[in-house]
């Protein structure tokens, strides 16, 4: 599809070039008189000079517009890069916090495992028969 677009643009450009070439060759000896309110006398110029002047003026206006757009893009790019650096520093800060939290998590897991072992040992001791109990169980206390 991209090749087709390129070919179409090339044909349009070629057609415009041929059109301009025929326009110049047909009107090479034509002159144009410009009458404008406020001019003391009309301006007379060759047709091809007028066309070249208008094309040059159009190119100049387009160049100025592109320059303004380029300046805006450069300012936006600068802002984006500044935001990117800020986000990079934020990511580094968050990564450092995450490393701290992971080490704290490991410490808490070890503490949990230790406490779980202590609780299971205490439950095991509580469920086993005591030494002063007889074969029938603990002796009733005398009240």
N, C-alpha and C. Protein backbone atom coordinates (compact mmCIF):
# COMPACT_ATOMS: atom_id res chain seq x y z
N UNK A 1 0.82 -1.19 0.00
CA UNK A 1 0.00 0.00 0.00
C UNK A 1 0.87 1.26 0.00
N UNK A 2 2.00 1.20 0.68
CA UNK A 2 2.89 2.35 0.74
C UNK A 2 3.49 2.63 -0.63
N UNK A 3 3.83 1.59 -1.37
CA UNK A 3 4.38 1.75 -2.71
C UNK A 3 3.36 2.40 -3.63
N UNK A 4 2.11 2.01 -3.49
CA UNK A 4 1.05 2.59 -4.31
C UNK A 4 0.89 4.08 -4.01
N UNK A 5 0.95 4.45 -2.75
CA UNK A 5 0.86 5.87 -2.39
C UNK A 5 2.04 6.65 -2.97
N UNK A 6 3.23 6.07 -2.89
CA UNK A 6 4.41 6.74 -3.42
C UNK A 6 4.29 6.94 -4.93
N UNK A 7 3.80 5.92 -5.63
CA UNK A 7 3.63 6.01 -7.08
C UNK A 7 2.59 7.08 -7.42
N UNK A 8 1.50 7.13 -6.66
CA UNK A 8 0.47 8.14 -6.91
C UNK A 8 1.01 9.55 -6.69
N UNK A 9 1.78 9.74 -5.63
CA UNK A 9 2.38 11.06 -5.37
C UNK A 9 3.34 11.44 -6.50
N UNK A 10 4.09 10.46 -6.99
CA UNK A 10 5.03 10.72 -8.07
C UNK A 10 4.29 11.14 -9.34
N UNK A 11 3.19 10.46 -9.66
CA UNK A 11 2.41 10.80 -10.85
C UNK A 11 1.77 12.18 -10.71
N UNK A 12 1.27 12.51 -9.54
CA UNK A 12 0.68 13.83 -9.31
C UNK A 12 1.74 14.91 -9.47
N UNK A 13 2.91 14.69 -8.90
CA UNK A 13 4.01 15.65 -9.04
C UNK A 13 4.43 15.80 -10.49
N UNK A 14 4.49 14.69 -11.21
CA UNK A 14 4.86 14.74 -12.63
C UNK A 14 3.80 15.51 -13.43
N UNK A 15 2.54 15.27 -13.14
CA UNK A 15 1.45 15.97 -13.84
C UNK A 15 1.53 17.48 -13.56
N UNK A 16 1.80 17.86 -12.32
CA UNK A 16 1.92 19.28 -11.99
C UNK A 16 3.13 19.91 -12.71
N UNK A 17 4.21 19.18 -12.78
CA UNK A 17 5.40 19.69 -13.47
C UNK A 17 5.10 19.89 -14.96
N UNK A 18 4.45 18.93 -15.58
CA UNK A 18 4.11 19.06 -17.00
C UNK A 18 3.15 20.23 -17.20
N UNK A 19 2.19 20.39 -16.30
CA UNK A 19 1.24 21.50 -16.38
C UNK A 19 1.98 22.84 -16.30
N UNK A 20 2.90 22.98 -15.35
CA UNK A 20 3.66 24.23 -15.23
C UNK A 20 4.53 24.48 -16.46
N UNK A 21 5.14 23.42 -16.97
CA UNK A 21 5.99 23.56 -18.15
C UNK A 21 5.19 24.04 -19.35
N UNK A 22 4.02 23.45 -19.57
CA UNK A 22 3.19 23.90 -20.69
C UNK A 22 2.66 25.31 -20.46
N UNK A 23 2.36 25.65 -19.21
CA UNK A 23 1.88 26.99 -18.90
C UNK A 23 2.96 28.03 -19.21
N UNK A 24 4.19 27.72 -18.86
CA UNK A 24 5.29 28.66 -19.15
C UNK A 24 5.56 28.79 -20.64
N UNK A 25 5.58 27.67 -21.34
CA UNK A 25 5.91 27.74 -22.76
C UNK A 25 4.81 28.41 -23.57
N UNK A 26 3.55 28.23 -23.19
CA UNK A 26 2.46 28.87 -23.92
C UNK A 26 2.40 30.37 -23.63
N UNK A 27 2.74 30.78 -22.42
CA UNK A 27 2.57 32.17 -22.01
C UNK A 27 3.90 32.87 -21.79
N UNK A 28 4.90 32.50 -22.54
CA UNK A 28 6.22 33.08 -22.36
C UNK A 28 6.25 34.55 -22.75
N UNK A 29 5.50 34.92 -23.75
CA UNK A 29 5.51 36.31 -24.19
C UNK A 29 4.34 37.12 -23.64
N UNK A 30 3.55 36.54 -22.76
CA UNK A 30 2.41 37.25 -22.17
C UNK A 30 2.89 38.15 -21.05
N UNK A 31 2.29 39.31 -20.95
CA UNK A 31 2.60 40.19 -19.84
C UNK A 31 1.31 40.52 -19.10
N UNK A 32 1.45 40.78 -17.80
CA UNK A 32 0.30 41.01 -16.93
C UNK A 32 0.42 42.41 -16.37
N UNK A 33 -0.71 43.10 -16.31
CA UNK A 33 -0.73 44.44 -15.75
C UNK A 33 -1.56 44.39 -14.47
N UNK A 34 -0.96 44.80 -13.32
CA UNK A 34 -1.63 44.76 -12.03
C UNK A 34 -2.06 46.17 -11.67
N UNK A 35 -3.39 46.34 -11.56
CA UNK A 35 -3.93 47.64 -11.16
C UNK A 35 -4.48 47.46 -9.75
N UNK A 36 -3.95 48.22 -8.82
CA UNK A 36 -4.37 48.12 -7.43
C UNK A 36 -4.65 49.52 -6.91
N UNK A 37 -5.69 49.64 -6.14
CA UNK A 37 -6.07 50.94 -5.60
C UNK A 37 -4.93 51.44 -4.71
N UNK A 38 -4.47 52.63 -4.94
CA UNK A 38 -3.40 53.21 -4.17
C UNK A 38 -2.08 53.24 -4.90
N UNK A 39 -1.95 52.45 -5.96
CA UNK A 39 -0.73 52.49 -6.77
C UNK A 39 -0.82 53.68 -7.73
N UNK A 40 0.26 54.46 -7.85
CA UNK A 40 0.19 55.61 -8.75
C UNK A 40 0.06 55.18 -10.22
N UNK A 41 0.68 54.08 -10.57
CA UNK A 41 0.58 53.57 -11.94
C UNK A 41 0.54 52.05 -11.89
N UNK A 42 -0.10 51.38 -12.83
CA UNK A 42 -0.17 49.91 -12.80
C UNK A 42 1.21 49.27 -12.96
N UNK A 43 1.36 48.11 -12.34
CA UNK A 43 2.61 47.35 -12.44
C UNK A 43 2.49 46.39 -13.61
N UNK A 44 3.47 46.41 -14.47
CA UNK A 44 3.49 45.50 -15.61
C UNK A 44 4.63 44.50 -15.40
N UNK A 45 4.31 43.21 -15.58
CA UNK A 45 5.32 42.17 -15.41
C UNK A 45 5.01 41.04 -16.38
N UNK A 46 6.03 40.29 -16.70
CA UNK A 46 5.83 39.10 -17.53
C UNK A 46 5.08 38.06 -16.69
N UNK A 47 4.30 37.23 -17.39
CA UNK A 47 3.49 36.22 -16.69
C UNK A 47 4.37 35.24 -15.92
N UNK A 48 5.46 34.79 -16.53
CA UNK A 48 6.32 33.81 -15.86
C UNK A 48 7.01 34.42 -14.65
N UNK A 49 7.30 35.73 -14.69
CA UNK A 49 7.89 36.39 -13.52
C UNK A 49 6.89 36.41 -12.37
N UNK A 50 5.65 36.68 -12.68
CA UNK A 50 4.59 36.69 -11.66
C UNK A 50 4.41 35.30 -11.04
N UNK A 51 4.41 34.27 -11.89
CA UNK A 51 4.25 32.90 -11.38
C UNK A 51 5.43 32.52 -10.49
N UNK A 52 6.64 32.84 -10.93
CA UNK A 52 7.83 32.51 -10.13
C UNK A 52 7.80 33.27 -8.80
N UNK A 53 7.38 34.53 -8.83
CA UNK A 53 7.28 35.31 -7.60
C UNK A 53 6.26 34.69 -6.64
N UNK A 54 5.10 34.29 -7.16
CA UNK A 54 4.07 33.68 -6.31
C UNK A 54 4.53 32.34 -5.73
N UNK A 55 5.21 31.53 -6.55
CA UNK A 55 5.73 30.25 -6.05
C UNK A 55 6.78 30.49 -4.97
N UNK A 56 7.68 31.45 -5.19
CA UNK A 56 8.72 31.75 -4.19
C UNK A 56 8.09 32.26 -2.91
N UNK A 57 7.05 33.10 -3.04
CA UNK A 57 6.36 33.61 -1.85
C UNK A 57 5.68 32.46 -1.09
N UNK A 58 5.08 31.54 -1.83
CA UNK A 58 4.46 30.37 -1.19
C UNK A 58 5.47 29.51 -0.46
N UNK A 59 6.63 29.31 -1.09
CA UNK A 59 7.68 28.51 -0.44
C UNK A 59 8.18 29.22 0.81
N UNK A 60 8.31 30.54 0.75
CA UNK A 60 8.76 31.31 1.91
C UNK A 60 7.76 31.20 3.06
N UNK A 61 6.47 31.34 2.76
CA UNK A 61 5.44 31.22 3.80
C UNK A 61 5.46 29.81 4.41
N UNK A 62 5.60 28.79 3.57
CA UNK A 62 5.65 27.41 4.07
C UNK A 62 6.88 27.19 4.94
N UNK A 63 8.01 27.77 4.54
CA UNK A 63 9.24 27.62 5.34
C UNK A 63 9.08 28.28 6.70
N UNK A 64 8.47 29.45 6.74
CA UNK A 64 8.24 30.13 8.02
C UNK A 64 7.31 29.30 8.89
N UNK A 65 6.25 28.78 8.29
CA UNK A 65 5.32 27.93 9.05
C UNK A 65 6.00 26.68 9.58
N UNK A 66 6.83 26.05 8.76
CA UNK A 66 7.57 24.86 9.21
C UNK A 66 8.55 25.21 10.33
N UNK A 67 9.17 26.39 10.23
CA UNK A 67 10.11 26.80 11.27
C UNK A 67 9.39 26.98 12.61
N UNK A 68 8.20 27.60 12.57
CA UNK A 68 7.42 27.79 13.80
C UNK A 68 7.02 26.43 14.37
N UNK A 69 6.58 25.53 13.50
CA UNK A 69 6.21 24.18 13.95
C UNK A 69 7.42 23.46 14.54
N UNK A 70 8.59 23.64 13.93
CA UNK A 70 9.81 23.02 14.44
C UNK A 70 10.15 23.55 15.83
N UNK A 71 10.01 24.87 16.03
CA UNK A 71 10.27 25.45 17.35
C UNK A 71 9.31 24.89 18.40
N UNK A 72 8.04 24.77 18.05
CA UNK A 72 7.05 24.19 18.98
C UNK A 72 7.41 22.75 19.30
N UNK A 73 7.81 21.98 18.29
CA UNK A 73 8.17 20.58 18.51
C UNK A 73 9.39 20.47 19.41
N UNK A 74 10.38 21.35 19.20
CA UNK A 74 11.57 21.30 20.04
C UNK A 74 11.24 21.62 21.49
N UNK A 75 10.35 22.59 21.73
CA UNK A 75 9.95 22.93 23.10
C UNK A 75 9.20 21.76 23.72
N UNK A 76 8.31 21.14 22.97
CA UNK A 76 7.57 19.98 23.48
C UNK A 76 8.52 18.82 23.76
N UNK A 77 9.48 18.60 22.90
CA UNK A 77 10.46 17.52 23.11
C UNK A 77 11.27 17.78 24.38
N UNK A 78 11.65 19.03 24.59
CA UNK A 78 12.41 19.39 25.80
C UNK A 78 11.57 19.09 27.04
N UNK A 79 10.28 19.46 27.00
CA UNK A 79 9.40 19.17 28.15
C UNK A 79 9.25 17.67 28.36
N UNK A 80 9.12 16.92 27.26
CA UNK A 80 8.98 15.47 27.39
C UNK A 80 10.23 14.84 27.98
N UNK A 81 11.41 15.29 27.55
CA UNK A 81 12.65 14.75 28.10
C UNK A 81 12.79 15.09 29.59
N UNK A 82 12.38 16.29 29.98
CA UNK A 82 12.43 16.68 31.39
C UNK A 82 11.51 15.78 32.21
N UNK A 83 10.27 15.55 31.70
CA UNK A 83 9.35 14.66 32.40
C UNK A 83 9.90 13.24 32.47
N UNK A 84 10.56 12.81 31.41
CA UNK A 84 11.14 11.47 31.39
C UNK A 84 12.22 11.33 32.45
N UNK A 85 13.07 12.36 32.60
CA UNK A 85 14.10 12.31 33.65
C UNK A 85 13.45 12.29 35.03
N UNK A 86 12.37 13.07 35.22
CA UNK A 86 11.68 13.05 36.51
C UNK A 86 11.11 11.67 36.79
N UNK A 87 10.51 11.05 35.77
CA UNK A 87 9.95 9.72 35.96
C UNK A 87 11.04 8.69 36.22
N UNK A 88 12.19 8.84 35.57
CA UNK A 88 13.30 7.93 35.82
C UNK A 88 13.77 8.02 37.28
N UNK A 89 13.87 9.24 37.80
CA UNK A 89 14.29 9.38 39.20
C UNK A 89 13.22 8.80 40.13
N UNK A 90 11.95 8.97 39.77
CA UNK A 90 10.86 8.39 40.57
C UNK A 90 10.94 6.87 40.55
N UNK A 91 11.24 6.30 39.38
CA UNK A 91 11.36 4.84 39.26
C UNK A 91 12.53 4.35 40.11
N UNK A 92 13.64 5.06 40.09
CA UNK A 92 14.79 4.66 40.90
C UNK A 92 14.43 4.70 42.39
N UNK A 93 13.71 5.74 42.81
CA UNK A 93 13.29 5.84 44.21
C UNK A 93 12.37 4.68 44.58
N UNK A 94 11.42 4.39 43.69
CA UNK A 94 10.50 3.28 43.96
C UNK A 94 11.22 1.93 43.97
N UNK A 95 12.20 1.76 43.09
CA UNK A 95 12.98 0.51 43.10
C UNK A 95 13.76 0.36 44.40
N UNK A 96 14.32 1.46 44.91
CA UNK A 96 15.04 1.40 46.19
C UNK A 96 14.08 1.02 47.32
N UNK A 97 12.89 1.63 47.31
CA UNK A 97 11.89 1.30 48.34
C UNK A 97 11.46 -0.15 48.22
N UNK A 98 11.32 -0.63 46.98
CA UNK A 98 10.92 -2.00 46.78
C UNK A 98 11.99 -2.96 47.30
N UNK A 99 13.26 -2.64 47.08
CA UNK A 99 14.34 -3.48 47.62
C UNK A 99 14.30 -3.51 49.13
N UNK A 100 14.06 -2.36 49.77
CA UNK A 100 13.95 -2.29 51.23
C UNK A 100 12.78 -3.13 51.71
N UNK A 101 11.63 -3.01 51.00
CA UNK A 101 10.45 -3.78 51.40
C UNK A 101 10.66 -5.28 51.20
N UNK A 102 11.39 -5.67 50.15
CA UNK A 102 11.67 -7.10 49.94
C UNK A 102 12.55 -7.65 51.06
N UNK A 103 13.56 -6.89 51.47
CA UNK A 103 14.42 -7.38 52.56
C UNK A 103 13.62 -7.44 53.87
N UNK A 104 12.75 -6.46 54.10
CA UNK A 104 11.89 -6.48 55.29
C UNK A 104 10.94 -7.67 55.23
N UNK A 105 10.43 -7.98 54.04
CA UNK A 105 9.54 -9.12 53.86
C UNK A 105 10.28 -10.42 54.17
N UNK A 106 11.51 -10.56 53.72
CA UNK A 106 12.30 -11.76 54.02
C UNK A 106 12.52 -11.90 55.53
N UNK A 107 12.83 -10.79 56.19
CA UNK A 107 13.04 -10.82 57.64
C UNK A 107 11.76 -11.24 58.35
N UNK A 108 10.62 -10.69 57.90
CA UNK A 108 9.34 -11.04 58.52
C UNK A 108 8.97 -12.50 58.26
N UNK A 109 9.32 -13.02 57.08
CA UNK A 109 9.05 -14.44 56.79
C UNK A 109 9.86 -15.34 57.73
N UNK A 110 11.13 -14.96 57.96
CA UNK A 110 11.95 -15.74 58.88
C UNK A 110 11.37 -15.69 60.29
N UNK A 111 10.95 -14.49 60.73
CA UNK A 111 10.33 -14.36 62.06
C UNK A 111 9.06 -15.18 62.14
N UNK A 112 8.25 -15.16 61.09
CA UNK A 112 7.01 -15.93 61.07
C UNK A 112 7.30 -17.42 61.16
N UNK A 113 8.31 -17.88 60.40
CA UNK A 113 8.66 -19.30 60.45
C UNK A 113 9.14 -19.68 61.85
N UNK A 114 9.90 -18.82 62.47
CA UNK A 114 10.41 -19.09 63.82
C UNK A 114 9.25 -19.14 64.82
N UNK A 115 8.34 -18.16 64.73
CA UNK A 115 7.20 -18.13 65.65
C UNK A 115 6.28 -19.32 65.42
N UNK A 116 6.12 -19.72 64.16
CA UNK A 116 5.28 -20.88 63.85
C UNK A 116 5.88 -22.14 64.47
N UNK A 117 7.19 -22.27 64.39
CA UNK A 117 7.86 -23.43 65.00
C UNK A 117 7.68 -23.40 66.52
N UNK A 118 7.79 -22.22 67.13
CA UNK A 118 7.61 -22.11 68.58
C UNK A 118 6.18 -22.48 68.97
N UNK A 119 5.20 -22.01 68.21
CA UNK A 119 3.80 -22.31 68.52
C UNK A 119 3.54 -23.79 68.36
N UNK A 120 4.06 -24.40 67.29
CA UNK A 120 3.83 -25.85 67.09
C UNK A 120 4.52 -26.66 68.19
N UNK A 121 5.70 -26.18 68.63
CA UNK A 121 6.38 -26.89 69.73
C UNK A 121 5.57 -26.76 71.02
N UNK A 122 5.02 -25.57 71.28
CA UNK A 122 4.20 -25.39 72.49
C UNK A 122 2.93 -26.21 72.40
N UNK A 123 2.30 -26.30 71.25
CA UNK A 123 1.10 -27.11 71.09
C UNK A 123 1.42 -28.58 71.27
N UNK A 124 2.59 -28.99 70.80
CA UNK A 124 3.01 -30.38 70.93
C UNK A 124 3.24 -30.70 72.40
N UNK A 125 3.87 -29.77 73.13
CA UNK A 125 4.11 -29.97 74.56
C UNK A 125 2.80 -30.00 75.32
N UNK A 126 1.85 -29.17 74.94
CA UNK A 126 0.57 -29.11 75.63
C UNK A 126 -0.26 -30.35 75.37
N UNK A 127 -0.12 -30.95 74.22
CA UNK A 127 -0.92 -32.13 73.89
C UNK A 127 -0.29 -33.42 74.42
N UNK A 128 0.99 -33.42 74.75
CA UNK A 128 1.62 -34.63 75.27
C UNK A 128 1.30 -34.77 76.76
N UNK A 129 1.17 -36.03 77.27
CA UNK A 129 0.85 -36.22 78.69
C UNK A 129 2.01 -35.75 79.57
N UNK A 130 1.66 -35.18 80.72
CA UNK A 130 2.69 -34.65 81.62
C UNK A 130 3.33 -35.77 82.42
N UNK A 131 4.47 -35.53 83.05
CA UNK A 131 5.24 -36.54 83.77
C UNK A 131 4.55 -36.98 85.07
N UNK A 132 3.78 -36.13 85.75
CA UNK A 132 3.15 -36.50 87.01
C UNK A 132 1.83 -37.20 86.80
N UNK A 133 1.41 -37.39 85.58
CA UNK A 133 0.15 -38.06 85.34
C UNK A 133 0.40 -39.56 85.27
N UNK A 134 -0.56 -40.30 85.73
CA UNK A 134 -0.46 -41.75 85.70
C UNK A 134 -0.95 -42.27 84.39
N UNK A 135 -1.05 -43.58 84.31
CA UNK A 135 -1.52 -44.17 83.06
C UNK A 135 -2.97 -43.83 82.78
N UNK A 136 -3.73 -43.46 83.82
CA UNK A 136 -5.14 -43.14 83.63
C UNK A 136 -5.34 -41.64 83.36
N UNK A 137 -4.30 -40.88 83.32
CA UNK A 137 -4.43 -39.44 83.11
C UNK A 137 -4.00 -38.69 84.34
N UNK A 138 -4.18 -37.44 84.38
CA UNK A 138 -3.74 -36.66 85.53
C UNK A 138 -4.60 -36.97 86.77
N UNK A 139 -3.95 -36.90 87.92
CA UNK A 139 -4.66 -37.19 89.17
C UNK A 139 -5.57 -36.05 89.52
N UNK A 140 -6.74 -36.36 90.03
CA UNK A 140 -7.64 -35.28 90.42
C UNK A 140 -7.08 -34.55 91.65
N UNK A 141 -7.26 -33.30 91.66
CA UNK A 141 -6.76 -32.53 92.80
C UNK A 141 -7.71 -32.65 93.97
N UNK A 142 -7.17 -32.66 95.17
CA UNK A 142 -7.99 -32.82 96.36
C UNK A 142 -8.45 -31.47 96.82
N UNK A 143 -9.70 -31.31 96.92
CA UNK A 143 -10.25 -30.04 97.35
C UNK A 143 -10.91 -30.16 98.67
